Amino acid sequence: MHAQQYIIAALMAFGAAVTEARALEPRQLGDLACNVARLQIVNALSATKKNVGDIQDPTVKAGAQAGLKQSQDAIGVIGKAIISGSKAPANARDDVAAGLTATGTALQGGSKDDKAVADATSNLTKAAKAGQDVVAKCK
């Protein structure tokens, strides 16, 4: 009888040694300021996408659309992680930033006379600012 008790005690001690206590973490929903910043970047990217759709130069339009797609896809990955309660991939924020940069680079090649380029650039600036706010406020 004592042998069974020793085995059970040994298994419990082993189990306690190999597992770690984890604090219960709330889902990554964030506070009000964080969620406002998230909403701002989504809205600014949506406005930028609308403006980009009106750009006359097909090369500038295609480049800006590709950058926006990269950013929006990465934001989608982050959003799915938030909703599922899992941690977003570390490279997702980098992908958002890279997409914003690619969009800005494409827009720089556009005509200054094209109002859609100017409007897209303005909204992209708002998206970049909101992205910085997300990084600062959503810890």
N, C-alpha and C. Protein backbone atom coordinates (compact mmCIF):
# COMPACT_ATOMS: atom_id res chain seq x y z
N MET A 1 0.82 -1.18 0.00
CA MET A 1 0.00 0.00 0.00
C MET A 1 0.86 1.25 0.00
N HIS A 2 1.94 1.21 0.75
CA HIS A 2 2.79 2.39 0.82
C HIS A 2 3.46 2.67 -0.52
N ALA A 3 3.73 1.66 -1.29
CA ALA A 3 4.38 1.85 -2.59
C ALA A 3 3.49 2.66 -3.53
N GLN A 4 2.18 2.39 -3.51
CA GLN A 4 1.27 3.15 -4.36
C GLN A 4 1.21 4.61 -3.92
N GLN A 5 1.23 4.85 -2.64
CA GLN A 5 1.19 6.22 -2.13
C GLN A 5 2.46 6.97 -2.52
N TYR A 6 3.59 6.29 -2.47
CA TYR A 6 4.85 6.93 -2.87
C TYR A 6 4.86 7.26 -4.36
N ILE A 7 4.31 6.36 -5.15
CA ILE A 7 4.26 6.59 -6.60
C ILE A 7 3.36 7.79 -6.91
N ILE A 8 2.20 7.83 -6.29
CA ILE A 8 1.28 8.95 -6.51
C ILE A 8 1.91 10.26 -6.03
N ALA A 9 2.54 10.24 -4.87
CA ALA A 9 3.19 11.44 -4.36
C ALA A 9 4.31 11.89 -5.29
N ALA A 10 5.07 10.92 -5.81
CA ALA A 10 6.16 11.25 -6.73
C ALA A 10 5.61 11.85 -8.02
N LEU A 11 4.53 11.29 -8.55
CA LEU A 11 3.92 11.83 -9.77
C LEU A 11 3.39 13.24 -9.55
N MET A 12 2.79 13.48 -8.41
CA MET A 12 2.27 14.82 -8.12
C MET A 12 3.41 15.81 -7.96
N ALA A 13 4.48 15.40 -7.30
CA ALA A 13 5.63 16.29 -7.14
C ALA A 13 6.26 16.58 -8.49
N PHE A 14 6.37 15.55 -9.34
CA PHE A 14 6.93 15.75 -10.67
C PHE A 14 6.04 16.70 -11.48
N GLY A 15 4.74 16.49 -11.41
CA GLY A 15 3.81 17.36 -12.14
C GLY A 15 3.89 18.80 -11.68
N ALA A 16 4.03 19.00 -10.39
CA ALA A 16 4.16 20.36 -9.86
C ALA A 16 5.47 20.99 -10.29
N ALA A 17 6.51 20.18 -10.44
CA ALA A 17 7.82 20.72 -10.81
C ALA A 17 7.88 21.13 -12.28
N VAL A 18 7.15 20.43 -13.14
CA VAL A 18 7.26 20.73 -14.57
C VAL A 18 6.19 21.69 -15.07
N THR A 19 5.21 21.99 -14.27
CA THR A 19 4.21 22.97 -14.69
C THR A 19 4.51 24.28 -14.01
N GLU A 20 4.06 25.33 -14.63
CA GLU A 20 4.30 26.64 -14.04
C GLU A 20 2.96 27.30 -13.74
N ALA A 21 2.97 28.06 -12.70
CA ALA A 21 1.77 28.82 -12.37
C ALA A 21 1.72 30.04 -13.28
N ARG A 22 0.59 30.26 -13.88
CA ARG A 22 0.44 31.42 -14.76
C ARG A 22 -0.66 32.29 -14.21
N ALA A 23 -0.41 33.56 -14.27
CA ALA A 23 -1.45 34.49 -13.87
C ALA A 23 -2.54 34.46 -14.93
N LEU A 24 -3.75 34.59 -14.50
CA LEU A 24 -4.83 34.67 -15.46
C LEU A 24 -4.73 36.02 -16.16
N GLU A 25 -4.67 35.97 -17.47
CA GLU A 25 -4.54 37.20 -18.24
C GLU A 25 -5.87 37.51 -18.90
N PRO A 26 -6.29 38.76 -18.81
CA PRO A 26 -7.50 39.11 -19.52
C PRO A 26 -7.23 39.07 -21.02
N ARG A 27 -8.25 38.88 -21.79
CA ARG A 27 -8.06 38.90 -23.24
C ARG A 27 -7.51 40.25 -23.63
N GLN A 28 -6.91 40.29 -24.78
CA GLN A 28 -6.21 41.48 -25.22
C GLN A 28 -7.16 42.56 -25.74
N LEU A 29 -8.28 42.70 -25.10
CA LEU A 29 -9.26 43.66 -25.60
C LEU A 29 -8.82 45.09 -25.38
N GLY A 30 -8.04 45.35 -24.36
CA GLY A 30 -7.50 46.69 -24.13
C GLY A 30 -8.50 47.61 -23.45
N ASP A 31 -7.98 48.77 -23.06
CA ASP A 31 -8.83 49.75 -22.43
C ASP A 31 -9.44 50.66 -23.50
N LEU A 32 -10.15 51.68 -23.06
CA LEU A 32 -10.86 52.56 -23.99
C LEU A 32 -9.90 53.27 -24.95
N ALA A 33 -8.80 53.82 -24.42
CA ALA A 33 -7.85 54.54 -25.28
C ALA A 33 -7.24 53.62 -26.33
N CYS A 34 -6.94 52.41 -25.95
CA CYS A 34 -6.39 51.42 -26.88
C CYS A 34 -7.40 51.11 -27.99
N ASN A 35 -8.63 50.87 -27.60
CA ASN A 35 -9.65 50.51 -28.59
C ASN A 35 -10.01 51.68 -29.50
N VAL A 36 -9.95 52.89 -28.98
CA VAL A 36 -10.17 54.08 -29.83
C VAL A 36 -9.06 54.16 -30.87
N ALA A 37 -7.82 53.94 -30.46
CA ALA A 37 -6.70 53.97 -31.40
C ALA A 37 -6.85 52.89 -32.47
N ARG A 38 -7.28 51.71 -32.06
CA ARG A 38 -7.51 50.63 -33.03
C ARG A 38 -8.58 51.02 -34.04
N LEU A 39 -9.66 51.60 -33.55
CA LEU A 39 -10.74 52.04 -34.43
C LEU A 39 -10.25 53.13 -35.39
N GLN A 40 -9.42 54.04 -34.89
CA GLN A 40 -8.91 55.12 -35.72
C GLN A 40 -8.05 54.59 -36.87
N ILE A 41 -7.20 53.61 -36.61
CA ILE A 41 -6.36 53.10 -37.70
C ILE A 41 -7.22 52.38 -38.74
N VAL A 42 -8.21 51.63 -38.29
CA VAL A 42 -9.09 50.93 -39.23
C VAL A 42 -9.86 51.94 -40.08
N ASN A 43 -10.40 52.98 -39.45
CA ASN A 43 -11.14 54.01 -40.19
C ASN A 43 -10.24 54.76 -41.15
N ALA A 44 -9.04 55.12 -40.72
CA ALA A 44 -8.12 55.86 -41.58
C ALA A 44 -7.69 55.01 -42.77
N LEU A 45 -7.45 53.73 -42.55
CA LEU A 45 -7.09 52.85 -43.68
C LEU A 45 -8.26 52.68 -44.64
N SER A 46 -9.46 52.63 -44.12
CA SER A 46 -10.64 52.52 -44.98
C SER A 46 -10.78 53.77 -45.85
N ALA A 47 -10.59 54.93 -45.26
CA ALA A 47 -10.65 56.19 -46.02
C ALA A 47 -9.53 56.25 -47.05
N THR A 48 -8.34 55.80 -46.66
CA THR A 48 -7.20 55.78 -47.59
C THR A 48 -7.51 54.86 -48.77
N LYS A 49 -8.09 53.71 -48.48
CA LYS A 49 -8.42 52.75 -49.55
C LYS A 49 -9.41 53.37 -50.53
N LYS A 50 -10.39 54.09 -50.02
CA LYS A 50 -11.37 54.76 -50.89
C LYS A 50 -10.66 55.78 -51.78
N ASN A 51 -9.77 56.58 -51.18
CA ASN A 51 -9.02 57.59 -51.95
C ASN A 51 -8.15 56.93 -53.01
N VAL A 52 -7.48 55.86 -52.64
CA VAL A 52 -6.58 55.16 -53.57
C VAL A 52 -7.37 54.64 -54.77
N GLY A 53 -8.59 54.21 -54.54
CA GLY A 53 -9.43 53.73 -55.63
C GLY A 53 -9.71 54.80 -56.67
N ASP A 54 -9.59 56.06 -56.29
CA ASP A 54 -9.86 57.18 -57.20
C ASP A 54 -8.60 57.71 -57.89
N ILE A 55 -7.44 57.16 -57.60
CA ILE A 55 -6.18 57.64 -58.20
C ILE A 55 -6.17 57.33 -59.69
N GLN A 56 -5.72 58.31 -60.49
CA GLN A 56 -5.73 58.17 -61.95
C GLN A 56 -4.58 57.31 -62.48
N ASP A 57 -3.39 57.45 -61.92
CA ASP A 57 -2.21 56.73 -62.41
C ASP A 57 -2.30 55.25 -61.98
N PRO A 58 -2.38 54.32 -62.95
CA PRO A 58 -2.56 52.91 -62.58
C PRO A 58 -1.38 52.31 -61.81
N THR A 59 -0.17 52.79 -62.07
CA THR A 59 1.00 52.26 -61.36
C THR A 59 0.97 52.68 -59.89
N VAL A 60 0.68 53.95 -59.67
CA VAL A 60 0.59 54.47 -58.29
C VAL A 60 -0.56 53.78 -57.56
N LYS A 61 -1.68 53.65 -58.24
CA LYS A 61 -2.85 53.01 -57.66
C LYS A 61 -2.53 51.57 -57.24
N ALA A 62 -1.91 50.80 -58.13
CA ALA A 62 -1.59 49.40 -57.83
C ALA A 62 -0.61 49.28 -56.67
N GLY A 63 0.41 50.14 -56.65
CA GLY A 63 1.39 50.10 -55.56
C GLY A 63 0.76 50.44 -54.22
N ALA A 64 -0.09 51.47 -54.22
CA ALA A 64 -0.75 51.87 -52.98
C ALA A 64 -1.73 50.79 -52.51
N GLN A 65 -2.44 50.18 -53.45
CA GLN A 65 -3.38 49.11 -53.08
C GLN A 65 -2.65 47.91 -52.48
N ALA A 66 -1.49 47.59 -53.03
CA ALA A 66 -0.72 46.46 -52.50
C ALA A 66 -0.26 46.74 -51.07
N GLY A 67 0.20 47.96 -50.80
CA GLY A 67 0.62 48.33 -49.45
C GLY A 67 -0.54 48.30 -48.48
N LEU A 68 -1.69 48.82 -48.92
CA LEU A 68 -2.88 48.80 -48.06
C LEU A 68 -3.32 47.37 -47.75
N LYS A 69 -3.26 46.51 -48.75
CA LYS A 69 -3.64 45.11 -48.53
C LYS A 69 -2.74 44.46 -47.49
N GLN A 70 -1.44 44.75 -47.57
CA GLN A 70 -0.51 44.18 -46.59
C GLN A 70 -0.88 44.65 -45.18
N SER A 71 -1.15 45.94 -45.03
CA SER A 71 -1.52 46.47 -43.71
C SER A 71 -2.83 45.89 -43.22
N GLN A 72 -3.82 45.86 -44.09
CA GLN A 72 -5.13 45.36 -43.68
C GLN A 72 -5.11 43.87 -43.36
N ASP A 73 -4.33 43.11 -44.12
CA ASP A 73 -4.21 41.68 -43.82
C ASP A 73 -3.57 41.46 -42.44
N ALA A 74 -2.54 42.25 -42.13
CA ALA A 74 -1.87 42.12 -40.83
C ALA A 74 -2.80 42.55 -39.70
N ILE A 75 -3.58 43.60 -39.92
CA ILE A 75 -4.55 44.02 -38.90
C ILE A 75 -5.59 42.92 -38.70
N GLY A 76 -5.97 42.24 -39.77
CA GLY A 76 -6.90 41.11 -39.65
C GLY A 76 -6.34 40.00 -38.79
N VAL A 77 -5.05 39.71 -38.95
CA VAL A 77 -4.39 38.68 -38.14
C VAL A 77 -4.41 39.10 -36.66
N ILE A 78 -4.10 40.36 -36.41
CA ILE A 78 -4.11 40.87 -35.03
C ILE A 78 -5.52 40.80 -34.46
N GLY A 79 -6.50 41.21 -35.24
CA GLY A 79 -7.89 41.18 -34.78
C GLY A 79 -8.36 39.77 -34.42
N LYS A 80 -8.02 38.80 -35.26
CA LYS A 80 -8.39 37.42 -34.97
C LYS A 80 -7.74 36.93 -33.68
N ALA A 81 -6.49 37.33 -33.46
CA ALA A 81 -5.80 36.93 -32.23
C ALA A 81 -6.48 37.55 -31.01
N ILE A 82 -6.87 38.82 -31.13
CA ILE A 82 -7.53 39.50 -30.01
C ILE A 82 -8.84 38.80 -29.67
N ILE A 83 -9.61 38.51 -30.69
CA ILE A 83 -10.92 37.88 -30.48
C ILE A 83 -10.78 36.48 -29.88
N SER A 84 -9.77 35.74 -30.33
CA SER A 84 -9.59 34.37 -29.83
C SER A 84 -8.90 34.33 -28.47
N GLY A 85 -8.38 35.48 -28.03
CA GLY A 85 -7.69 35.52 -26.74
C GLY A 85 -6.26 35.05 -26.80
N SER A 86 -5.75 34.83 -28.00
CA SER A 86 -4.36 34.40 -28.13
C SER A 86 -3.47 35.60 -28.44
N LYS A 87 -2.18 35.39 -28.33
CA LYS A 87 -1.23 36.47 -28.57
C LYS A 87 -1.04 36.63 -30.08
N ALA A 88 -1.07 37.88 -30.54
CA ALA A 88 -0.86 38.15 -31.96
C ALA A 88 0.59 37.84 -32.33
N PRO A 89 0.82 37.37 -33.55
CA PRO A 89 2.19 37.10 -33.97
C PRO A 89 3.05 38.37 -33.88
N ALA A 90 4.28 38.19 -33.47
CA ALA A 90 5.16 39.34 -33.26
C ALA A 90 5.37 40.15 -34.53
N ASN A 91 5.35 39.50 -35.67
CA ASN A 91 5.63 40.22 -36.92
C ASN A 91 4.41 40.95 -37.47
N ALA A 92 3.24 40.79 -36.88
CA ALA A 92 2.03 41.42 -37.42
C ALA A 92 2.12 42.94 -37.38
N ARG A 93 2.62 43.51 -36.28
CA ARG A 93 2.78 44.97 -36.22
C ARG A 93 3.78 45.45 -37.26
N ASP A 94 4.85 44.68 -37.44
CA ASP A 94 5.84 45.03 -38.45
C ASP A 94 5.23 45.00 -39.84
N ASP A 95 4.35 44.04 -40.09
CA ASP A 95 3.68 43.96 -41.38
C ASP A 95 2.75 45.14 -41.61
N VAL A 96 2.07 45.60 -40.56
CA VAL A 96 1.23 46.79 -40.68
C VAL A 96 2.10 47.98 -41.06
N ALA A 97 3.19 48.16 -40.35
CA ALA A 97 4.09 49.29 -40.62
C ALA A 97 4.68 49.21 -42.03
N ALA A 98 5.07 48.01 -42.45
CA ALA A 98 5.64 47.85 -43.79
C ALA A 98 4.62 48.18 -44.86
N GLY A 99 3.38 47.79 -44.64
CA GLY A 99 2.32 48.11 -45.59
C GLY A 99 2.06 49.60 -45.67
N LEU A 100 2.07 50.26 -44.52
CA LEU A 100 1.89 51.72 -44.51
C LEU A 100 3.03 52.41 -45.25
N THR A 101 4.24 51.93 -45.01
CA THR A 101 5.42 52.50 -45.69
C THR A 101 5.33 52.29 -47.19
N ALA A 102 4.95 51.09 -47.61
CA ALA A 102 4.82 50.80 -49.05
C ALA A 102 3.75 51.67 -49.69
N THR A 103 2.66 51.88 -48.98
CA THR A 103 1.60 52.75 -49.50
C THR A 103 2.11 54.17 -49.66
N GLY A 104 2.81 54.66 -48.64
CA GLY A 104 3.37 56.01 -48.70
C GLY A 104 4.36 56.17 -49.84
N THR A 105 5.20 55.17 -50.04
CA THR A 105 6.18 55.22 -51.13
C THR A 105 5.47 55.28 -52.48
N ALA A 106 4.43 54.48 -52.64
CA ALA A 106 3.67 54.50 -53.90
C ALA A 106 3.01 55.85 -54.12
N LEU A 107 2.44 56.42 -53.06
CA LEU A 107 1.76 57.71 -53.19
C LEU A 107 2.72 58.84 -53.53
N GLN A 108 3.96 58.73 -53.08
CA GLN A 108 4.95 59.76 -53.40
C GLN A 108 5.21 59.84 -54.90
N GLY A 109 4.97 58.75 -55.61
CA GLY A 109 5.16 58.74 -57.06
C GLY A 109 3.97 59.29 -57.82
N GLY A 110 2.91 59.65 -57.11
CA GLY A 110 1.71 60.16 -57.76
C GLY A 110 1.79 61.64 -58.08
N SER A 111 0.91 62.07 -58.95
CA SER A 111 0.84 63.47 -59.36
C SER A 111 0.32 64.32 -58.20
N LYS A 112 0.96 65.44 -58.00
CA LYS A 112 0.51 66.37 -56.96
C LYS A 112 -0.80 67.04 -57.36
N ASP A 113 -1.15 66.95 -58.64
CA ASP A 113 -2.40 67.53 -59.13
C ASP A 113 -3.59 66.60 -58.94
N ASP A 114 -3.33 65.34 -58.61
CA ASP A 114 -4.39 64.36 -58.41
C ASP A 114 -4.89 64.49 -56.97
N LYS A 115 -6.13 64.99 -56.82
CA LYS A 115 -6.70 65.19 -55.48
C LYS A 115 -6.76 63.88 -54.70
N ALA A 116 -7.01 62.77 -55.37
CA ALA A 116 -7.09 61.48 -54.69
C ALA A 116 -5.76 61.12 -54.04
N VAL A 117 -4.64 61.48 -54.69
CA VAL A 117 -3.32 61.21 -54.11
C VAL A 117 -3.15 62.04 -52.84
N ALA A 118 -3.53 63.32 -52.91
CA ALA A 118 -3.40 64.20 -51.74
C ALA A 118 -4.29 63.70 -50.59
N ASP A 119 -5.51 63.32 -50.91
CA ASP A 119 -6.42 62.83 -49.88
C ASP A 119 -5.93 61.51 -49.28
N ALA A 120 -5.44 60.62 -50.13
CA ALA A 120 -4.91 59.34 -49.65
C ALA A 120 -3.70 59.57 -48.75
N THR A 121 -2.84 60.50 -49.13
CA THR A 121 -1.66 60.80 -48.33
C THR A 121 -2.07 61.35 -46.96
N SER A 122 -3.06 62.22 -46.95
CA SER A 122 -3.55 62.78 -45.69
C SER A 122 -4.13 61.69 -44.79
N ASN A 123 -4.95 60.82 -45.35
CA ASN A 123 -5.53 59.74 -44.55
C ASN A 123 -4.49 58.71 -44.12
N LEU A 124 -3.49 58.50 -44.97
CA LEU A 124 -2.41 57.58 -44.59
C LEU A 124 -1.63 58.13 -43.40
N THR A 125 -1.43 59.44 -43.38
CA THR A 125 -0.76 60.08 -42.24
C THR A 125 -1.56 59.85 -40.96
N LYS A 126 -2.88 59.96 -41.07
CA LYS A 126 -3.75 59.69 -39.91
C LYS A 126 -3.63 58.23 -39.47
N ALA A 127 -3.56 57.32 -40.44
CA ALA A 127 -3.43 55.89 -40.11
C ALA A 127 -2.11 55.62 -39.41
N ALA A 128 -1.04 56.24 -39.89
CA ALA A 128 0.27 56.05 -39.26
C ALA A 128 0.27 56.57 -37.83
N LYS A 129 -0.36 57.72 -37.61
CA LYS A 129 -0.45 58.29 -36.26
C LYS A 129 -1.27 57.36 -35.36
N ALA A 130 -2.37 56.86 -35.88
CA ALA A 130 -3.20 55.93 -35.10
C ALA A 130 -2.43 54.65 -34.80
N GLY A 131 -1.63 54.19 -35.74
CA GLY A 131 -0.80 53.01 -35.51
C GLY A 131 0.20 53.22 -34.39
N GLN A 132 0.78 54.42 -34.36
CA GLN A 132 1.71 54.75 -33.27
C GLN A 132 0.96 54.78 -31.94
N ASP A 133 -0.27 55.28 -31.95
CA ASP A 133 -1.08 55.30 -30.73
C ASP A 133 -1.40 53.88 -30.26
N VAL A 134 -1.69 52.98 -31.21
CA VAL A 134 -1.97 51.59 -30.84
C VAL A 134 -0.75 50.99 -30.14
N VAL A 135 0.42 51.21 -30.72
CA VAL A 135 1.65 50.67 -30.11
C VAL A 135 1.85 51.24 -28.71
N ALA A 136 1.59 52.53 -28.55
CA ALA A 136 1.81 53.18 -27.26
C ALA A 136 0.74 52.81 -26.21
N LYS A 137 -0.50 52.66 -26.65
CA LYS A 137 -1.61 52.51 -25.69
C LYS A 137 -2.06 51.07 -25.47
N CYS A 138 -1.72 50.18 -26.36
CA CYS A 138 -2.20 48.79 -26.26
C CYS A 138 -1.04 47.91 -25.82
N LYS A 139 -0.78 47.88 -24.55
CA LYS A 139 0.35 47.10 -24.03
C LYS A 139 -0.14 45.80 -23.46
